[in-house]
Protein backbone atom coordinates (compact mmCIF):
# COMPACT_ATOMS: atom_id res chain seq x y z
CA MET A 1 127.08 101.56 125.71
CA THR A 2 129.90 99.48 124.25
CA THR A 3 129.94 95.90 123.11
CA ALA A 4 133.06 93.72 123.18
CA PRO A 5 134.24 92.76 119.66
CA THR A 6 133.73 89.04 120.36
CA GLU A 7 130.18 89.58 121.63
CA GLN A 8 129.40 91.87 118.70
CA ALA A 9 130.67 89.27 116.21
CA GLU A 10 128.55 86.62 117.94
CA SER A 11 125.49 88.86 117.78
CA GLN A 12 126.09 89.57 114.11
CA GLY A 13 126.51 85.86 113.37
CA LEU A 14 123.22 84.99 115.07
CA LEU A 15 121.42 87.79 113.27
CA LEU A 16 122.75 86.63 109.90
CA GLN A 17 121.49 83.14 110.67
CA LEU A 18 118.09 84.61 111.51
CA LEU A 19 118.04 86.40 108.15
CA ASP A 20 119.04 83.25 106.25
CA PRO A 21 115.96 81.94 104.38
CA GLY A 22 117.36 78.45 104.79
CA ASN A 23 116.57 78.57 108.51
CA ARG A 24 112.91 79.43 108.09
CA ALA A 25 111.68 75.86 107.77
CA ASP A 26 112.96 74.99 111.27
CA PRO A 27 113.84 78.16 113.21
CA TYR A 28 113.24 76.79 116.70
CA GLY A 29 116.80 75.81 117.58
CA LEU A 30 117.98 79.24 116.46
CA ALA A 31 115.22 80.91 118.45
CA ALA A 32 116.42 79.06 121.56
CA GLN A 33 119.93 80.42 120.96
CA PHE A 34 118.48 83.93 120.74
CA ARG A 35 116.68 83.55 124.05
CA ASP A 36 119.77 82.14 125.76
CA HIS A 37 121.99 84.88 124.35
CA GLY A 38 119.83 87.81 125.41
CA PRO A 39 119.52 91.09 123.46
CA LEU A 40 121.67 91.21 120.31
CA GLN A 41 123.51 94.52 120.11
CA LEU A 42 125.07 95.91 116.94
CA PRO A 43 126.24 99.43 117.88
CA GLU A 44 127.58 100.28 114.42
CA ALA A 45 124.14 99.63 112.93
CA ARG A 46 122.43 101.28 115.91
CA LEU A 47 120.45 98.06 116.27
CA THR A 48 119.35 96.00 119.24
CA VAL A 49 117.27 92.85 118.71
CA PHE A 50 115.19 91.60 121.66
CA SER A 51 113.99 88.01 121.81
CA THR A 52 111.97 87.63 125.03
CA TYR A 53 108.43 88.75 125.75
CA ARG A 54 109.53 90.61 128.88
CA ASP A 55 112.15 92.66 127.00
CA CYS A 56 109.84 93.45 124.09
CA ASP A 57 106.99 94.40 126.40
CA GLU A 58 109.26 96.72 128.41
CA VAL A 59 110.58 98.42 125.27
CA LEU A 60 107.17 98.87 123.69
CA ARG A 61 105.71 100.35 126.88
CA HIS A 62 108.63 102.69 127.52
CA PRO A 63 107.64 106.40 127.25
CA SER A 64 110.52 107.02 124.84
CA SER A 65 109.42 104.29 122.40
CA ALA A 66 107.91 105.36 119.09
CA SER A 67 106.63 103.68 115.94
CA ASP A 68 107.00 106.86 113.89
CA ARG A 69 110.52 106.86 112.45
CA SER A 70 110.40 110.62 111.96
CA LYS A 71 110.70 111.00 115.76
CA SER A 72 114.15 109.43 115.73
CA ALA A 73 116.95 111.99 115.53
CA LEU A 74 119.31 109.35 114.13
CA ALA A 75 116.82 108.24 111.49
CA GLN A 76 116.15 111.83 110.48
CA ALA A 77 119.88 112.52 110.13
CA GLU A 78 120.22 109.49 107.85
CA ILE A 79 117.20 110.54 105.78
CA GLU A 80 118.49 114.09 105.41
CA SER A 81 121.94 112.86 104.40
CA HIS A 82 120.46 110.47 101.83
CA THR A 83 118.12 113.16 100.50
CA GLN A 84 120.96 115.65 100.16
CA ALA A 85 123.11 113.13 98.27
CA LEU A 86 120.29 112.36 95.82
CA THR A 87 119.50 116.04 95.34
CA GLU A 88 123.13 116.87 94.63
CA ALA A 89 123.15 114.03 92.10
CA GLY A 90 120.27 115.71 90.28
CA VAL A 91 117.60 113.21 91.31
CA VAL A 92 114.10 114.71 91.49
CA LEU A 93 112.56 113.35 94.67
CA PRO A 94 108.82 112.74 95.09
CA PRO A 95 107.02 114.53 97.92
CA PRO A 96 107.37 112.77 101.29
CA VAL A 97 104.73 110.16 102.07
CA PRO A 98 103.12 110.18 105.55
CA PRO A 99 103.81 107.04 107.59
CA GLY A 100 101.28 104.23 107.37
CA PHE A 101 98.82 103.35 110.10
CA LEU A 102 101.17 100.77 111.64
CA PHE A 103 103.91 103.37 112.02
CA LEU A 104 101.93 106.10 113.75
CA ASP A 105 101.98 107.02 117.43
CA PRO A 106 99.20 108.40 119.62
CA PRO A 107 97.17 110.50 119.23
CA ASP A 108 97.16 109.89 115.44
CA HIS A 109 97.29 106.12 115.80
CA THR A 110 94.54 106.19 118.44
CA ARG A 111 92.29 108.32 116.22
CA MET A 112 92.70 106.04 113.20
CA ARG A 113 92.38 102.91 115.31
CA LYS A 114 88.99 104.12 116.57
CA LEU A 115 87.84 104.56 112.98
CA VAL A 116 89.06 101.10 111.96
CA SER A 117 87.69 99.37 115.06
CA LYS A 118 84.12 100.17 113.98
CA ALA A 119 84.49 97.65 111.18
CA PHE A 120 85.36 94.95 113.72
CA ALA A 121 82.58 95.60 116.23
CA PRO A 122 80.98 92.40 117.65
CA ARG A 123 77.68 93.00 115.82
CA VAL A 124 79.54 93.29 112.50
CA ILE A 125 81.48 90.08 113.10
CA ASN A 126 78.37 88.22 114.30
CA ALA A 127 76.59 89.19 111.10
CA LEU A 128 79.38 87.47 109.16
CA LYS A 129 79.06 84.14 110.99
CA PRO A 130 77.17 82.40 108.14
CA ASP A 131 79.79 83.54 105.62
CA ILE A 132 82.66 82.52 107.91
CA ASN A 133 81.12 79.08 108.48
CA MET A 134 80.78 78.67 104.71
CA LEU A 135 84.39 79.75 104.16
CA VAL A 136 85.65 77.28 106.79
CA ASP A 137 83.60 74.43 105.29
CA GLY A 138 84.90 75.26 101.82
CA LEU A 139 88.53 75.29 102.94
CA LEU A 140 88.11 72.02 104.84
CA ASP A 141 86.49 70.43 101.78
CA GLN A 142 89.48 71.45 99.66
CA ILE A 143 91.85 70.03 102.28
CA ALA A 144 89.92 66.75 102.39
CA ALA A 145 90.05 66.51 98.60
CA LYS A 146 93.84 66.99 98.61
CA GLY A 147 94.42 64.47 101.38
CA ARG A 148 97.14 66.60 102.97
CA PHE A 149 97.58 70.28 103.75
CA ASP A 150 99.78 73.03 105.08
CA VAL A 151 97.97 74.55 108.04
CA VAL A 152 99.12 78.10 107.21
CA ASP A 153 98.96 78.13 103.41
CA ASP A 154 95.73 76.15 103.12
CA PHE A 155 93.76 77.39 106.12
CA ALA A 156 95.21 79.88 108.62
CA TYR A 157 96.15 82.44 105.96
CA PRO A 158 93.33 82.31 103.36
CA LEU A 159 90.54 82.31 105.98
CA PRO A 160 91.26 85.71 107.60
CA VAL A 161 92.04 87.25 104.20
CA ALA A 162 88.65 86.13 102.90
CA VAL A 163 86.92 87.46 106.04
CA ILE A 164 88.70 90.81 105.67
CA CYS A 165 87.52 90.95 102.07
CA ARG A 166 83.96 90.53 103.32
CA LEU A 167 84.47 93.28 105.90
CA LEU A 168 85.89 95.67 103.30
CA GLY A 169 83.30 94.82 100.69
CA VAL A 170 85.86 93.54 98.20
CA PRO A 171 84.05 91.76 95.35
CA ILE A 172 84.41 87.98 95.37
CA GLU A 173 85.98 88.02 91.91
CA ASP A 174 88.69 90.38 93.20
CA GLU A 175 89.68 88.23 96.17
CA PRO A 176 92.62 86.46 94.44
CA GLN A 177 94.06 89.83 93.39
CA PHE A 178 93.48 91.28 96.86
CA ASN A 179 95.05 88.20 98.43
CA HIS A 180 98.15 88.59 96.25
CA ALA A 181 98.43 92.31 96.95
CA SER A 182 98.03 91.73 100.70
CA ALA A 183 100.82 89.16 100.65
CA LEU A 184 103.11 91.62 98.88
CA LEU A 185 102.27 94.32 101.41
CA ALA A 186 103.11 91.94 104.27
CA GLN A 187 106.43 91.18 102.57
CA SER A 188 107.29 94.89 102.73
CA LEU A 189 107.79 94.33 106.48
CA ASP A 190 109.99 91.31 105.81
CA PRO A 191 113.78 91.80 105.72
CA PHE A 192 114.08 89.35 102.80
CA HIS A 193 111.99 91.41 100.44
CA GLY A 194 111.88 94.93 99.05
CA LEU A 195 108.87 97.20 99.19
CA TYR A 196 105.93 95.92 97.17
CA ARG A 197 103.35 98.52 98.20
CA CYS A 198 102.96 99.66 94.59
CA THR A 199 100.95 96.53 93.71
CA LEU A 200 98.50 97.01 96.55
CA GLY A 201 98.41 100.71 95.75
CA ARG A 202 97.42 100.04 92.13
CA TYR A 203 94.64 97.68 93.20
CA GLY A 204 93.47 100.06 95.93
CA ARG A 205 93.27 103.00 93.52
CA ALA A 206 91.42 100.95 90.91
CA TYR A 207 88.95 99.60 93.51
CA ALA A 208 88.37 103.08 94.95
CA GLY A 209 87.73 104.37 91.43
CA ARG A 210 85.06 101.71 90.87
CA ILE A 211 83.37 102.65 94.14
CA ARG A 212 83.30 106.32 93.21
CA ALA A 213 81.90 105.49 89.78
CA ALA A 214 79.16 103.27 91.22
């Protein structure tokens, strides 16, 4: 499939605007341009960006779709080329790391999802209602004391993180560190940031070590 040079330049320009941190405060006008434009195609980068629910739903449900990058012949060719170049340069490469839970396909994803879903069963969540009510009251008290608030930074983000800490059994004193590590992990999926998994990995290993020692 080919894309006319003018259309490709337009797609690239819109994508660069999307990746511009300066547009994050008010992205809605740009989002409307994306919807009006339709799928953005950058053949040289082997990239297509979809902006409507219908398109995304169709792609995600397509039998050929995969979350596991290792199933992509193009991605594997790029990885092999990169690996060969590093090896020839004398770089000692670490052993390959299996993809994370978010980047697995069935049946592996299904198997792990069943294990994780047990922690979110209705009876487990219902047992946390008193804690969740206390967390909500505490956050609202802090907001009232400040007199103004950012709905995401001061409420919508810290509340689920605190609930997840309760579900995972993370000690209360470790919640700020866990919160910070979780934010860095989320940024690893963000095009503006590099991979920060090492921070979460260090905390996870230290926490697991404490559990084993207990």
